[in-house]
């Protein structure tokens, strides 16, 4: 009887570990937005607000080329969600390029 309980416990532990390890990590998407930014204060405004949007991992602002690059988790946010967040800051925004997904 002790062996049966032990085998049952080991079996359930193995199944639980397998299910836990099989879960996929959320995918990260990197998108480059063209944005109507002109100066350092525009960059600071974006860097103070966009990182606090759901799922946003990194934000990079390129003032001379008027580009904002944002990496975010796809299960937490979307391309349009980040675009709307930039538009809330009173910038004209368009999606320039969606880069391949990373795991």
Protein backbone atom coordinates (compact mmCIF):
# COMPACT_ATOMS: atom_id res chain seq x y z
CA UNK A 1 0.00 0.00 0.00
CA UNK A 2 2.87 2.36 0.81
CA UNK A 3 4.38 1.72 -2.60
CA UNK A 4 1.10 2.52 -4.33
CA UNK A 5 0.81 5.86 -2.51
CA UNK A 6 4.42 6.67 -3.32
CA UNK A 7 4.00 5.80 -7.01
CA UNK A 8 0.80 7.84 -7.23
CA UNK A 9 2.49 10.85 -5.63
CA UNK A 10 5.50 10.61 -7.95
CA UNK A 11 3.21 10.28 -10.97
CA UNK A 12 1.23 13.42 -10.08
CA UNK A 13 4.42 15.37 -9.41
CA UNK A 14 5.78 14.39 -12.83
CA UNK A 15 2.54 15.35 -14.58
CA UNK A 16 2.41 18.70 -12.75
CA UNK A 17 6.03 19.50 -13.62
CA UNK A 18 5.48 18.58 -17.27
CA UNK A 19 2.45 20.85 -17.56
CA UNK A 20 4.27 23.71 -15.84
CA UNK A 21 7.32 23.41 -18.10
CA UNK A 22 5.19 23.10 -21.24
CA UNK A 23 3.61 26.54 -20.82
CA UNK A 24 4.80 28.92 -23.50
CA UNK A 25 6.43 32.16 -22.55
CA UNK A 26 4.53 35.22 -23.74
CA UNK A 27 5.80 36.54 -27.05
CA UNK A 28 7.32 39.98 -27.33
CA UNK A 29 6.63 42.16 -30.34
CA UNK A 30 8.80 45.08 -31.44
CA UNK A 31 7.16 47.86 -33.46
CA UNK A 32 8.60 51.03 -34.95
CA UNK A 33 6.22 53.99 -35.02
CA UNK A 34 6.64 57.20 -36.99
CA UNK A 35 5.77 59.98 -34.59
CA UNK A 36 5.53 63.77 -34.83
CA UNK A 37 8.28 64.44 -32.29
CA UNK A 38 10.57 67.45 -32.56
CA UNK A 39 12.61 67.97 -29.42
CA UNK A 40 14.09 66.58 -26.23
CA UNK A 41 10.96 67.39 -24.23
CA UNK A 42 8.92 65.22 -26.64
CA UNK A 43 11.32 62.35 -25.98
CA UNK A 44 11.08 62.86 -22.22
CA UNK A 45 7.28 62.98 -22.39
CA UNK A 46 7.19 59.64 -24.24
CA UNK A 47 9.77 58.04 -21.92
CA UNK A 48 7.79 59.17 -18.86
CA UNK A 49 4.46 57.74 -20.07
CA UNK A 50 4.77 54.83 -22.52
CA UNK A 51 6.84 52.49 -20.28
CA UNK A 52 3.87 52.42 -17.89
CA UNK A 53 1.45 51.07 -20.50
CA UNK A 54 0.51 47.42 -19.97
CA UNK A 55 3.07 44.94 -21.25
CA UNK A 56 5.61 47.49 -22.49
CA UNK A 57 9.17 46.24 -22.02
CA UNK A 58 11.37 48.80 -23.79
CA UNK A 59 10.96 52.21 -25.42
CA UNK A 60 13.52 53.93 -27.64
CA UNK A 61 13.04 57.42 -29.10
CA UNK A 62 15.01 58.60 -32.16
CA UNK A 63 14.39 62.35 -32.50
CA UNK A 64 16.26 63.04 -35.80
CA UNK A 65 14.37 60.28 -37.63
CA UNK A 66 11.12 60.88 -35.71
CA UNK A 67 10.85 57.22 -34.71
CA UNK A 68 9.67 55.53 -31.54
CA UNK A 69 10.51 51.84 -31.08
CA UNK A 70 8.44 49.93 -28.54
CA UNK A 71 8.77 46.30 -27.41
CA UNK A 72 5.75 44.86 -25.64
CA UNK A 73 4.17 41.56 -24.63
CA UNK A 74 1.48 40.54 -27.10
CA UNK A 75 -0.69 39.03 -24.40
CA UNK A 76 -0.82 42.37 -22.55
CA UNK A 77 -1.01 44.98 -25.34
CA UNK A 78 -1.31 45.41 -29.11
CA UNK A 79 0.10 47.51 -31.94
CA UNK A 80 -3.04 49.68 -31.88
CA UNK A 81 -2.99 49.91 -28.08
CA UNK A 82 0.50 51.41 -28.05
CA UNK A 83 -0.42 53.65 -30.99
CA UNK A 84 -3.43 55.00 -29.07
CA UNK A 85 -1.23 55.62 -26.02
CA UNK A 86 1.13 57.71 -28.18
CA UNK A 87 -1.84 59.56 -29.69
CA UNK A 88 -3.10 60.38 -26.17
CA UNK A 89 0.13 62.34 -25.76
CA UNK A 90 -1.01 64.49 -28.73
CA UNK A 91 1.32 63.08 -31.38
CA UNK A 92 0.45 62.02 -34.90
CA UNK A 93 1.44 58.37 -35.11
CA UNK A 94 1.67 55.75 -37.84
CA UNK A 95 3.11 52.24 -37.79
CA UNK A 96 6.29 52.13 -39.83
CA UNK A 97 7.43 48.56 -39.27
CA UNK A 98 6.55 45.50 -37.22
CA UNK A 99 9.64 43.44 -36.45
CA UNK A 100 9.65 39.65 -36.09
CA UNK A 101 8.36 38.23 -32.85
CA UNK A 102 10.71 37.05 -30.14
CA UNK A 103 10.09 34.43 -27.50
